[in-house]
C-alpha atoms as a PDB file:
ATOM      1  CA  MET A   1      57.436  89.621  -0.467  1.00  0.00           C
ATOM      2  CA  GLN A   2      56.366  91.583   2.584  1.00  0.00           C
ATOM      3  CA  MET A   3      56.241  89.306   5.610  1.00  0.00           C
ATOM      4  CA  LYS A   4      52.836  88.720   7.162  1.00  0.00           C
ATOM      5  CA  ILE A   5      52.297  87.178  10.582  1.00  0.00           C
ATOM      6  CA  ALA A   6      48.890  86.060  11.809  1.00  0.00           C
ATOM      7  CA  VAL A   7      48.428  86.900  15.480  1.00  0.00           C
ATOM      8  CA  ILE A   8      46.018  85.582  18.085  1.00  0.00           C
ATOM      9  CA  ASP A   9      45.440  86.734  21.670  1.00  0.00           C
ATOM     10  CA  ILE A  10      43.410  84.180  23.639  1.00  0.00           C
ATOM     11  CA  GLY A  11      41.678  85.516  26.750  1.00  0.00           C
ATOM     12  CA  GLY A  12      39.020  84.058  28.976  1.00  0.00           C
ATOM     13  CA  THR A  13      36.388  86.437  27.569  1.00  0.00           C
ATOM     14  CA  CYS A  14      37.444  87.152  24.000  1.00  0.00           C
ATOM     15  CA  ILE A  15      39.926  86.170  21.313  1.00  0.00           C
ATOM     16  CA  LYS A  16      41.592  89.008  19.428  1.00  0.00           C
ATOM     17  CA  SER A  17      43.119  88.265  16.046  1.00  0.00           C
ATOM     18  CA  GLY A  18      44.809  90.175  13.268  1.00  0.00           C
ATOM     19  CA  ILE A  19      47.661  90.395  10.773  1.00  0.00           C
ATOM     20  CA  TRP A  20      51.035  91.907  11.647  1.00  0.00           C
ATOM     21  CA  GLU A  21      52.708  93.674   8.757  1.00  0.00           C
ATOM     22  CA  LYS A  22      55.332  96.432   8.722  1.00  0.00           C
ATOM     23  CA  GLY A  23      55.269  96.690  12.517  1.00  0.00           C
ATOM     24  CA  GLU A  24      51.516  97.198  12.789  1.00  0.00           C
ATOM     25  CA  ILE A  25      48.471  95.043  13.488  1.00  0.00           C
ATOM     26  CA  ARG A  26      45.647  95.344  10.972  1.00  0.00           C
ATOM     27  CA  GLU A  27      42.388  93.521  10.250  1.00  0.00           C
ATOM     28  CA  ILE A  28      41.770  93.198  13.988  1.00  0.00           C
ATOM     29  CA  ARG A  29      38.783  91.034  14.876  1.00  0.00           C
ATOM     30  CA  VAL A  30      37.328  90.318  18.309  1.00  0.00           C
ATOM     31  CA  THR A  31      35.445  87.074  18.894  1.00  0.00           C
ATOM     32  CA  ASP A  32      33.832  85.605  22.001  1.00  0.00           C
ATOM     33  CA  THR A  33      36.024  82.890  23.477  1.00  0.00           C
ATOM     34  CA  ASN A  34      33.057  80.852  24.745  1.00  0.00           C
ATOM     35  CA  ALA A  35      35.556  79.456  27.222  1.00  0.00           C
ATOM     36  CA  ARG A  36      32.955  77.328  28.980  1.00  0.00           C
ATOM     37  CA  LEU A  37      32.987  75.011  25.955  1.00  0.00           C
ATOM     38  CA  GLY A  38      36.531  74.009  26.852  1.00  0.00           C
ATOM     39  CA  GLY A  39      40.047  74.076  25.475  1.00  0.00           C
ATOM     40  CA  SER A  40      39.384  71.916  22.417  1.00  0.00           C
ATOM     41  CA  ALA A  41      36.567  74.191  21.274  1.00  0.00           C
ATOM     42  CA  VAL A  42      38.777  77.237  21.820  1.00  0.00           C
ATOM     43  CA  MET A  43      41.505  75.725  19.641  1.00  0.00           C
ATOM     44  CA  GLU A  44      38.979  74.945  16.903  1.00  0.00           C
ATOM     45  CA  LYS A  45      37.909  78.578  16.974  1.00  0.00           C
ATOM     46  CA  VAL A  46      41.536  79.746  16.814  1.00  0.00           C
ATOM     47  CA  LEU A  47      42.214  77.598  13.733  1.00  0.00           C
ATOM     48  CA  SER A  48      39.036  78.850  12.091  1.00  0.00           C
ATOM     49  CA  LEU A  49      40.006  82.482  12.726  1.00  0.00           C
ATOM     50  CA  LEU A  50      43.467  81.910  11.268  1.00  0.00           C
ATOM     51  CA  GLU A  51      41.986  80.351   8.133  1.00  0.00           C
ATOM     52  CA  GLY A  52      40.132  83.598   7.542  1.00  0.00           C
ATOM     53  CA  TYR A  53      43.347  85.555   7.089  1.00  0.00           C
ATOM     54  CA  GLY A  54      44.593  83.887   3.924  1.00  0.00           C
ATOM     55  CA  GLU A  55      48.349  83.486   3.481  1.00  0.00           C
ATOM     56  CA  PHE A  56      50.905  84.263   6.188  1.00  0.00           C
ATOM     57  CA  GLN A  57      54.467  83.173   6.924  1.00  0.00           C
ATOM     58  CA  ALA A  58      54.201  82.607  10.684  1.00  0.00           C
ATOM     59  CA  VAL A  59      51.748  82.634  13.580  1.00  0.00           C
ATOM     60  CA  GLY A  60      52.149  84.323  16.958  1.00  0.00           C
ATOM     61  CA  ILE A  61      49.834  83.288  19.789  1.00  0.00           C
ATOM     62  CA  SER A  62      49.435  85.016  23.145  1.00  0.00           C
ATOM     63  CA  THR A  63      47.335  83.015  25.569  1.00  0.00           C
ATOM     64  CA  ALA A  64      46.030  82.903  29.104  1.00  0.00           C
ATOM     65  CA  GLY A  65      47.707  80.284  31.284  1.00  0.00           C
ATOM     66  CA  GLN A  66      51.275  79.212  31.993  1.00  0.00           C
ATOM     67  CA  VAL A  67      53.104  78.290  28.789  1.00  0.00           C
ATOM     68  CA  ASP A  68      56.117  76.149  27.943  1.00  0.00           C
ATOM     69  CA  THR A  69      57.458  78.480  25.259  1.00  0.00           C
ATOM     70  CA  ALA A  70      59.837  75.872  23.842  1.00  0.00           C
ATOM     71  CA  GLU A  71      57.101  73.312  23.186  1.00  0.00           C
ATOM     72  CA  GLY A  72      54.243  75.803  22.818  1.00  0.00           C
ATOM     73  CA  THR A  73      52.166  73.835  25.305  1.00  0.00           C
ATOM     74  CA  VAL A  74      49.864  75.159  28.035  1.00  0.00           C
ATOM     75  CA  LEU A  75      51.433  73.978  31.301  1.00  0.00           C
ATOM     76  CA  TYR A  76      48.533  75.140  33.441  1.00  0.00           C
ATOM     77  CA  ALA A  77      45.273  77.017  32.942  1.00  0.00           C
ATOM     78  CA  ASN A  78      42.550  77.524  35.504  1.00  0.00           C
ATOM     79  CA  GLU A  79      38.969  76.437  35.014  1.00  0.00           C
ATOM     80  CA  ASN A  80      38.079  79.628  33.157  1.00  0.00           C
ATOM     81  CA  ILE A  81      38.925  77.482  30.108  1.00  0.00           C
ATOM     82  CA  PRO A  82      38.157  73.886  31.124  1.00  0.00           C
ATOM     83  CA  GLY A  83      40.474  71.248  29.703  1.00  0.00           C
ATOM     84  CA  TYR A  84      43.015  73.786  28.421  1.00  0.00           C
ATOM     85  CA  THR A  85      45.886  72.546  30.597  1.00  0.00           C
ATOM     86  CA  GLY A  86      48.198  70.415  28.456  1.00  0.00           C
ATOM     87  CA  MET A  87      46.899  71.825  25.171  1.00  0.00           C
ATOM     88  CA  LYS A  88      49.606  71.510  22.474  1.00  0.00           C
ATOM     89  CA  VAL A  89      48.864  74.858  20.866  1.00  0.00           C
ATOM     90  CA  LYS A  90      52.043  75.094  18.790  1.00  0.00           C
ATOM     91  CA  GLU A  91      51.911  71.498  17.541  1.00  0.00           C
ATOM     92  CA  ILE A  92      48.240  71.726  16.559  1.00  0.00           C
ATOM     93  CA  THR A  93      48.659  75.048  14.756  1.00  0.00           C
ATOM     94  CA  GLU A  94      51.831  74.067  12.902  1.00  0.00           C
ATOM     95  CA  ALA A  95      50.226  70.819  11.764  1.00  0.00           C
ATOM     96  CA  LYS A  96      47.298  72.783  10.335  1.00  0.00           C
ATOM     97  CA  PHE A  97      49.163  75.580   8.541  1.00  0.00           C
ATOM     98  CA  GLY A  98      52.729  74.332   8.043  1.00  0.00           C
ATOM     99  CA  VAL A  99      54.341  77.603   9.195  1.00  0.00           C
ATOM    100  CA  PRO A 100      56.440  78.451  12.279  1.00  0.00           C
ATOM    101  CA  VAL A 101      54.337  79.171  15.374  1.00  0.00           C
ATOM    102  CA  ALA A 102      55.353  80.929  18.609  1.00  0.00           C
ATOM    103  CA  VAL A 103      53.222  80.650  21.757  1.00  0.00           C
ATOM    104  CA  LEU A 104      53.616  82.840  24.849  1.00  0.00           C
ATOM    105  CA  ASN A 105      51.834  83.532  28.103  1.00  0.00           C
ATOM    106  CA  ASP A 106      49.662  86.647  27.718  1.00  0.00           C
ATOM    107  CA  VAL A 107      51.525  88.811  30.252  1.00  0.00           C
ATOM    108  CA  ASN A 108      54.910  87.883  28.804  1.00  0.00           C
ATOM    109  CA  SER A 109      53.592  88.606  25.335  1.00  0.00           C
ATOM    110  CA  ALA A 110      52.284  92.011  26.392  1.00  0.00           C
ATOM    111  CA  ALA A 111      55.621  92.830  28.034  1.00  0.00           C
ATOM    112  CA  LEU A 112      57.460  91.889  24.851  1.00  0.00           C
ATOM    113  CA  GLY A 113      55.121  94.131  22.887  1.00  0.00           C
ATOM    114  CA  GLU A 114      55.839  97.006  25.252  1.00  0.00           C
ATOM    115  CA  ALA A 115      59.575  96.284  24.973  1.00  0.00           C
ATOM    116  CA  TRP A 116      59.626  96.616  21.192  1.00  0.00           C
ATOM    117  CA  TYR A 117      56.797  99.021  20.432  1.00  0.00           C
ATOM    118  CA  GLY A 118      55.534 100.630  23.646  1.00  0.00           C
ATOM    119  CA  ALA A 119      56.524 102.081  27.007  1.00  0.00           C
ATOM    120  CA  GLY A 120      59.598  99.845  27.333  1.00  0.00           C
ATOM    121  CA  ARG A 121      61.111 100.802  23.997  1.00  0.00           C
ATOM    122  CA  GLY A 122      64.709 101.875  24.526  1.00  0.00           C
ATOM    123  CA  TYR A 123      64.961 100.088  27.887  1.00  0.00           C
ATOM    124  CA  PRO A 124      66.798  96.748  27.554  1.00  0.00           C
ATOM    125  CA  ASP A 125      65.786  95.696  31.064  1.00  0.00           C
ATOM    126  CA  PHE A 126      62.536  96.369  32.933  1.00  0.00           C
ATOM    127  CA  LEU A 127      59.707  94.791  34.903  1.00  0.00           C
ATOM    128  CA  CYS A 128      56.134  94.710  33.661  1.00  0.00           C
ATOM    129  CA  LEU A 129      53.140  94.212  35.954  1.00  0.00           C
ATOM    130  CA  THR A 130      49.478  94.028  35.007  1.00  0.00           C
ATOM    131  CA  TYR A 131      46.675  94.692  37.472  1.00  0.00           C
ATOM    132  CA  GLY A 132      43.315  93.138  36.707  1.00  0.00           C
ATOM    133  CA  THR A 133      41.569  90.014  37.950  1.00  0.00           C
ATOM    134  CA  GLY A 134      44.915  89.161  39.542  1.00  0.00           C
ATOM    135  CA  VAL A 135      48.426  90.593  39.289  1.00  0.00           C
ATOM    136  CA  GLY A 136      50.546  89.327  36.415  1.00  0.00           C
ATOM    137  CA  GLY A 137      54.218  89.966  35.884  1.00  0.00           C
ATOM    138  CA  ALA A 138      57.043  89.666  33.385  1.00  0.00           C
ATOM    139  CA  ILE A 139      60.798  90.189  33.492  1.00  0.00           C
ATOM    140  CA  VAL A 140      62.411  91.726  30.414  1.00  0.00           C
ATOM    141  CA  THR A 141      66.186  91.480  30.114  1.00  0.00           C
ATOM    142  CA  GLY A 142      68.169  92.312  27.014  1.00  0.00           C
ATOM    143  CA  GLY A 143      64.896  93.024  25.232  1.00  0.00           C
ATOM    144  CA  GLU A 144      63.684  89.452  25.756  1.00  0.00           C
ATOM    145  CA  ILE A 145      61.529  87.645  28.324  1.00  0.00           C
ATOM    146  CA  TYR A 146      63.222  85.826  31.191  1.00  0.00           C
ATOM    147  CA  THR A 147      61.061  82.730  31.694  1.00  0.00           C
ATOM    148  CA  GLY A 148      62.886  80.910  34.482  1.00  0.00           C
ATOM    149  CA  ALA A 149      63.557  77.177  34.841  1.00  0.00           C
ATOM    150  CA  GLY A 150      59.902  76.207  34.399  1.00  0.00           C
ATOM    151  CA  TYR A 151      58.801  78.969  31.967  1.00  0.00           C
ATOM    152  CA  CYS A 152      56.799  80.664  34.738  1.00  0.00           C
ATOM    153  CA  ALA A 153      59.069  83.434  36.084  1.00  0.00           C
ATOM    154  CA  GLY A 154      57.367  86.702  36.963  1.00  0.00           C
ATOM    155  CA  GLU A 155      54.481  85.378  39.059  1.00  0.00           C
ATOM    156  CA  PHE A 156      54.595  88.583  41.081  1.00  0.00           C
ATOM    157  CA  GLY A 157      51.052  88.127  42.330  1.00  0.00           C
ATOM    158  CA  GLY A 158      52.431  85.392  44.591  1.00  0.00           C
ATOM    159  CA  ILE A 159      54.594  87.735  46.688  1.00  0.00           C
ATOM    160  CA  VAL A 160      53.517  87.378  50.317  1.00  0.00           C
ATOM    161  CA  THR A 161      52.595  90.855  51.560  1.00  0.00           C
ATOM    162  CA  HIS A 162      50.285  89.823  54.421  1.00  0.00           C
ATOM    163  CA  PRO A 163      51.854  86.812  56.182  1.00  0.00           C
ATOM    164  CA  GLU A 164      49.278  87.057  58.975  1.00  0.00           C
ATOM    165  CA  ALA A 165      46.634  85.978  56.445  1.00  0.00           C
ATOM    166  CA  ARG A 166      48.537  82.950  55.083  1.00  0.00           C
ATOM    167  CA  ASN A 167      46.551  79.716  54.903  1.00  0.00           C
ATOM    168  CA  PRO A 168      47.961  77.827  51.897  1.00  0.00           C
ATOM    169  CA  GLU A 169      45.943  74.684  52.577  1.00  0.00           C
ATOM    170  CA  LYS A 170      42.766  76.688  52.004  1.00  0.00           C
ATOM    171  CA  ASP A 171      44.085  79.163  49.437  1.00  0.00           C
ATOM    172  CA  LEU A 172      47.585  78.950  47.955  1.00  0.00           C
ATOM    173  CA  PHE A 173      47.556  82.706  47.296  1.00  0.00           C
ATOM    174  CA  SER A 174      46.233  83.670  50.735  1.00  0.00           C
ATOM    175  CA  GLY A 175      48.109  86.694  52.059  1.00  0.00           C
ATOM    176  CA  CYS A 176      49.629  87.283  48.621  1.00  0.00           C
ATOM    177  CA  TYR A 177      50.002  90.471  46.629  1.00  0.00           C
ATOM    178  CA  GLU A 178      47.243  89.872  44.104  1.00  0.00           C
ATOM    179  CA  ARG A 179      44.634  89.327  46.842  1.00  0.00           C
ATOM    180  CA  TYR A 180      45.167  92.959  47.909  1.00  0.00           C
ATOM    181  CA  ALA A 181      46.619  94.895  44.948  1.00  0.00           C
ATOM    182  CA  SER A 182      44.549  93.589  42.029  1.00  0.00           C
ATOM    183  CA  THR A 183      41.683  95.525  40.468  1.00  0.00           C
ATOM    184  CA  THR A 184      39.455  92.746  41.797  1.00  0.00           C
ATOM    185  CA  ALA A 185      40.560  93.611  45.340  1.00  0.00           C
ATOM    186  CA  LEU A 186      39.802  97.311  44.817  1.00  0.00           C
ATOM    187  CA  LEU A 187      36.334  96.570  43.422  1.00  0.00           C
ATOM    188  CA  GLN A 188      35.548  94.232  46.302  1.00  0.00           C
ATOM    189  CA  LYS A 189      36.449  96.874  48.894  1.00  0.00           C
ATOM    190  CA  ALA A 190      34.540  99.555  46.980  1.00  0.00           C
ATOM    191  CA  ARG A 191      31.357  97.458  46.779  1.00  0.00           C
ATOM    192  CA  GLU A 192      31.520  96.737  50.496  1.00  0.00           C
ATOM    193  CA  ARG A 193      31.615 100.446  51.339  1.00  0.00           C
ATOM    194  CA  PHE A 194      29.764 101.892  48.347  1.00  0.00           C
ATOM    195  CA  PRO A 195      27.292  99.301  46.962  1.00  0.00           C
ATOM    196  CA  ARG A 196      26.391 101.664  44.098  1.00  0.00           C
ATOM    197  CA  MET A 197      29.854 101.227  42.573  1.00  0.00           C
ATOM    198  CA  GLN A 198      30.181  98.332  40.147  1.00  0.00           C
ATOM    199  CA  ASN A 199      33.355  99.105  38.194  1.00  0.00           C
ATOM    200  CA  GLY A 200      36.564 101.092  38.198  1.00  0.00           C
ATOM    201  CA  LEU A 201      35.168 103.946  36.117  1.00  0.00           C
ATOM    202  CA  GLU A 202      32.474 104.554  38.707  1.00  0.00           C
ATOM    203  CA  ILE A 203      35.077 104.608  41.479  1.00  0.00           C
ATOM    204  CA  PHE A 204      37.294 107.172  39.763  1.00  0.00           C
ATOM    205  CA  ALA A 205      34.339 109.308  38.725  1.00  0.00           C
ATOM    206  CA  GLU A 206      34.046 110.083  42.453  1.00  0.00           C
ATOM    207  CA  ILE A 207      37.736 110.339  43.284  1.00  0.00           C
ATOM    208  CA  GLU A 208      37.198 113.845  44.715  1.00  0.00           C
ATOM    209  CA  ASN A 209      34.947 112.308  47.373  1.00  0.00           C
ATOM    210  CA  HIS A 210      37.129 112.072  50.492  1.00  0.00           C
ATOM    211  CA  GLU A 211      35.949 108.595  51.456  1.00  0.00           C
ATOM    212  CA  VAL A 212      36.416 107.243  47.938  1.00  0.00           C
ATOM    213  CA  ARG A 213      39.900 108.728  47.680  1.00  0.00           C
ATOM    214  CA  GLU A 214      40.813 107.232  51.048  1.00  0.00           C
ATOM    215  CA  LEU A 215      39.749 103.803  49.793  1.00  0.00           C
ATOM    216  CA  VAL A 216      41.780 104.174  46.583  1.00  0.00           C
ATOM    217  CA  ASP A 217      44.804 105.418  48.524  1.00  0.00           C
ATOM    218  CA  GLN A 218      44.692 102.351  50.768  1.00  0.00           C
ATOM    219  CA  TRP A 219      44.656 100.172  47.655  1.00  0.00           C
ATOM    220  CA  ILE A 220      47.594 102.092  46.159  1.00  0.00           C
ATOM    221  CA  GLU A 221      49.493 101.393  49.383  1.00  0.00           C
ATOM    222  CA  GLU A 222      48.974  97.677  48.719  1.00  0.00           C
ATOM    223  CA  ILE A 223      50.414  98.148  45.222  1.00  0.00           C
ATOM    224  CA  LEU A 224      53.475  99.803  46.733  1.00  0.00           C
ATOM    225  CA  TYR A 225      54.178  96.864  49.055  1.00  0.00           C
ATOM    226  CA  GLY A 226      54.890  94.590  46.114  1.00  0.00           C
ATOM    227  CA  LEU A 227      56.765  97.180  44.081  1.00  0.00           C
ATOM    228  CA  ILE A 228      59.112  98.016  46.969  1.00  0.00           C
ATOM    229  CA  SER A 229      60.256  94.396  47.165  1.00  0.00           C
ATOM    230  CA  LEU A 230      60.622  94.021  43.400  1.00  0.00           C
ATOM    231  CA  ILE A 231      62.638  97.219  43.015  1.00  0.00           C
ATOM    232  CA  HIS A 232      65.034  96.239  45.789  1.00  0.00           C
ATOM    233  CA  ILE A 233      65.455  92.753  44.294  1.00  0.00           C
ATOM    234  CA  PHE A 234      65.860  93.662  40.611  1.00  0.00           C
ATOM    235  CA  ASN A 235      67.036  97.293  40.714  1.00  0.00           C
ATOM    236  CA  PRO A 236      65.203  97.970  37.409  1.00  0.00           C
ATOM    237  CA  SER A 237      65.478 101.186  35.441  1.00  0.00           C
ATOM    238  CA  LEU A 238      61.769 101.005  34.595  1.00  0.00           C
ATOM    239  CA  LEU A 239      58.459  99.621  35.795  1.00  0.00           C
ATOM    240  CA  VAL A 240      55.722  99.298  33.166  1.00  0.00           C
ATOM    241  CA  LEU A 241      52.305  99.067  34.801  1.00  0.00           C
ATOM    242  CA  GLY A 242      49.444  97.659  32.735  1.00  0.00           C
ATOM    243  CA  GLY A 243      45.767  96.868  33.082  1.00  0.00           C
ATOM    244  CA  GLY A 244      42.865  99.213  32.459  1.00  0.00           C
ATOM    245  CA  ILE A 245      43.052 100.634  35.975  1.00  0.00           C
ATOM    246  CA  MET A 246      46.522 102.049  35.243  1.00  0.00           C
ATOM    247  CA  GLU A 247      45.012 104.351  32.638  1.00  0.00           C
ATOM    248  CA  GLN A 248      43.784 106.414  35.577  1.00  0.00           C
ATOM    249  CA  ALA A 249      46.377 109.200  35.909  1.00  0.00           C
ATOM    250  CA  TYR A 250      45.715 109.497  39.646  1.00  0.00           C
ATOM    251  CA  VAL A 251      46.973 105.954  40.248  1.00  0.00           C
ATOM    252  CA  THR A 252      50.291 106.195  38.402  1.00  0.00           C
ATOM    253  CA  GLU A 253      50.968 109.709  39.727  1.00  0.00           C
ATOM    254  CA  GLN A 254      50.432 108.569  43.312  1.00  0.00           C
ATOM    255  CA  ILE A 255      52.592 105.479  42.831  1.00  0.00           C
ATOM    256  CA  ARG A 256      55.457 107.600  41.486  1.00  0.00           C
ATOM    257  CA  PHE A 257      55.162 110.143  44.287  1.00  0.00           C
ATOM    258  CA  ARG A 258      54.725 107.774  47.220  1.00  0.00           C
ATOM    259  CA  LEU A 259      57.214 105.152  46.088  1.00  0.00           C
ATOM    260  CA  GLN A 260      60.284 107.320  46.576  1.00  0.00           C
ATOM    261  CA  SER A 261      60.105 107.517  50.370  1.00  0.00           C
ATOM    262  CA  HIS A 262      60.055 103.702  50.571  1.00  0.00           C
ATOM    263  CA  LEU A 263      63.249 103.140  48.562  1.00  0.00           C
ATOM    264  CA  LEU A 264      66.921 103.249  49.434  1.00  0.00           C
ATOM    265  CA  PRO A 265      68.528 106.282  47.738  1.00  0.00           C
ATOM    266  CA  SER A 266      70.429 104.179  45.190  1.00  0.00           C
ATOM    267  CA  PHE A 267      67.135 102.675  43.938  1.00  0.00           C
ATOM    268  CA  ARG A 268      65.183 105.897  43.447  1.00  0.00           C
ATOM    269  CA  LYS A 269      66.073 106.412  39.790  1.00  0.00           C
ATOM    270  CA  VAL A 270      63.494 103.846  38.719  1.00  0.00           C
ATOM    271  CA  GLU A 271      60.920 105.227  36.284  1.00  0.00           C
ATOM    272  CA  VAL A 272      57.246 104.265  36.456  1.00  0.00           C
ATOM    273  CA  LEU A 273      55.227 104.358  33.237  1.00  0.00           C
ATOM    274  CA  PRO A 274      51.758 103.113  32.308  1.00  0.00           C
ATOM    275  CA  ALA A 275      51.702 100.546  29.527  1.00  0.00           C
ATOM    276  CA  GLY A 276      51.376 102.289  26.189  1.00  0.00           C
ATOM    277  CA  LEU A 277      49.816  99.754  23.813  1.00  0.00           C
ATOM    278  CA  GLY A 278      46.501  98.892  25.441  1.00  0.00           C
ATOM    279  CA  ASN A 279      44.900  95.716  24.129  1.00  0.00           C
ATOM    280  CA  ARG A 280      47.334  95.537  21.176  1.00  0.00           C
ATOM    281  CA  ALA A 281      50.342  94.727  23.385  1.00  0.00           C
ATOM    282  CA  GLY A 282      49.809  90.969  23.461  1.00  0.00           C
ATOM    283  CA  MET A 283      49.358  90.713  19.717  1.00  0.00           C
ATOM    284  CA  LEU A 284      52.449  92.815  19.009  1.00  0.00           C
ATOM    285  CA  GLY A 285      54.537  90.746  21.407  1.00  0.00           C
ATOM    286  CA  ALA A 286      53.305  87.516  19.844  1.00  0.00           C
ATOM    287  CA  ALA A 287      54.162  88.864  16.397  1.00  0.00           C
ATOM    288  CA  ARG A 288      57.690  89.726  17.523  1.00  0.00           C
ATOM    289  CA  GLN A 289      58.220  86.217  18.907  1.00  0.00           C
ATOM    290  CA  ALA A 290      56.794  84.616  15.750  1.00  0.00           C
ATOM    291  CA  GLN A 291      59.139  86.709  13.628  1.00  0.00           C
ATOM    292  CA  LYS A 292      62.094  85.395  15.657  1.00  0.00           C
ATOM    293  CA  GLU A 293      60.856  81.821  15.262  1.00  0.00           C
ATOM    294  CA  TYR A 294      60.538  82.282  11.507  1.00  0.00           C
ATOM    295  CA  GLU A 295      64.057  83.727  11.228  1.00  0.00           C
ATOM    296  CA  ARG A 296      65.459  80.865  13.320  1.00  0.00           C
ATOM    297  CA  ARG A 297      63.839  78.285  11.045  1.00  0.00           C
ATOM    298  CA  ILE A 298      65.109  79.719   7.780  1.00  0.00           C
ATOM    299  CA  LYS A 299      68.742  80.039   8.891  1.00  0.00           C
END
């Protein structure tokens, strides 16, 4: 019997679902999360979506929030999904379907997908960063995710790049990388200077405008600040950069070009690649982890 794994990717805006079979995701469906209804309602929707896929041998779940991968529990989630912190995703899902379930943080899941099927394929060790609302990170070593002592390693958005702006009592991430290098930060600066611009596509449609390019270049400099530290700490062979903004060739080309002059000579062999799987990365990573969980159980 060909193995089938049901996969779920829970985001604050939408839930993506599908069936993994023979290394590919099929029957992909996208459903509104309706996160405002809270974590319990989200889990009910997840179970309902899984029921619609018939028989499967395991379930892989990629989710927003910090995740205890051993217990499959959400350690922390912000108020984008109220009441989601503490949700026993693995326990609830296994009780419903009676099959092995693997649960991962969404960035870790995407990195695992890239490791096995995407830009990181063939690289046993690399760093993955995603630039969006914030800056997410993951550490891949030996083809697997390094989670750290509390399952939360890779919180690269918390690197302090502007110590002069630190005020942790007011904002724990004040002066930190994601406040300056995220797509949110770029959009905020763009709207201040060019009120007509409402999204990244509109910014890069005018990249030949000198003032727009200057703004983008300043933002790219903020991206470099974090990458310089990470490269000198980890000495990775590869950086995989994800998030929709990294699909803009100008961004990745400039990062590659400008990064070299900031690195010690022995660190300059690092490759920089955009993520290759788009919105399928999380589902593919979750499927890979579920496959491992299934194999562990049947031994």
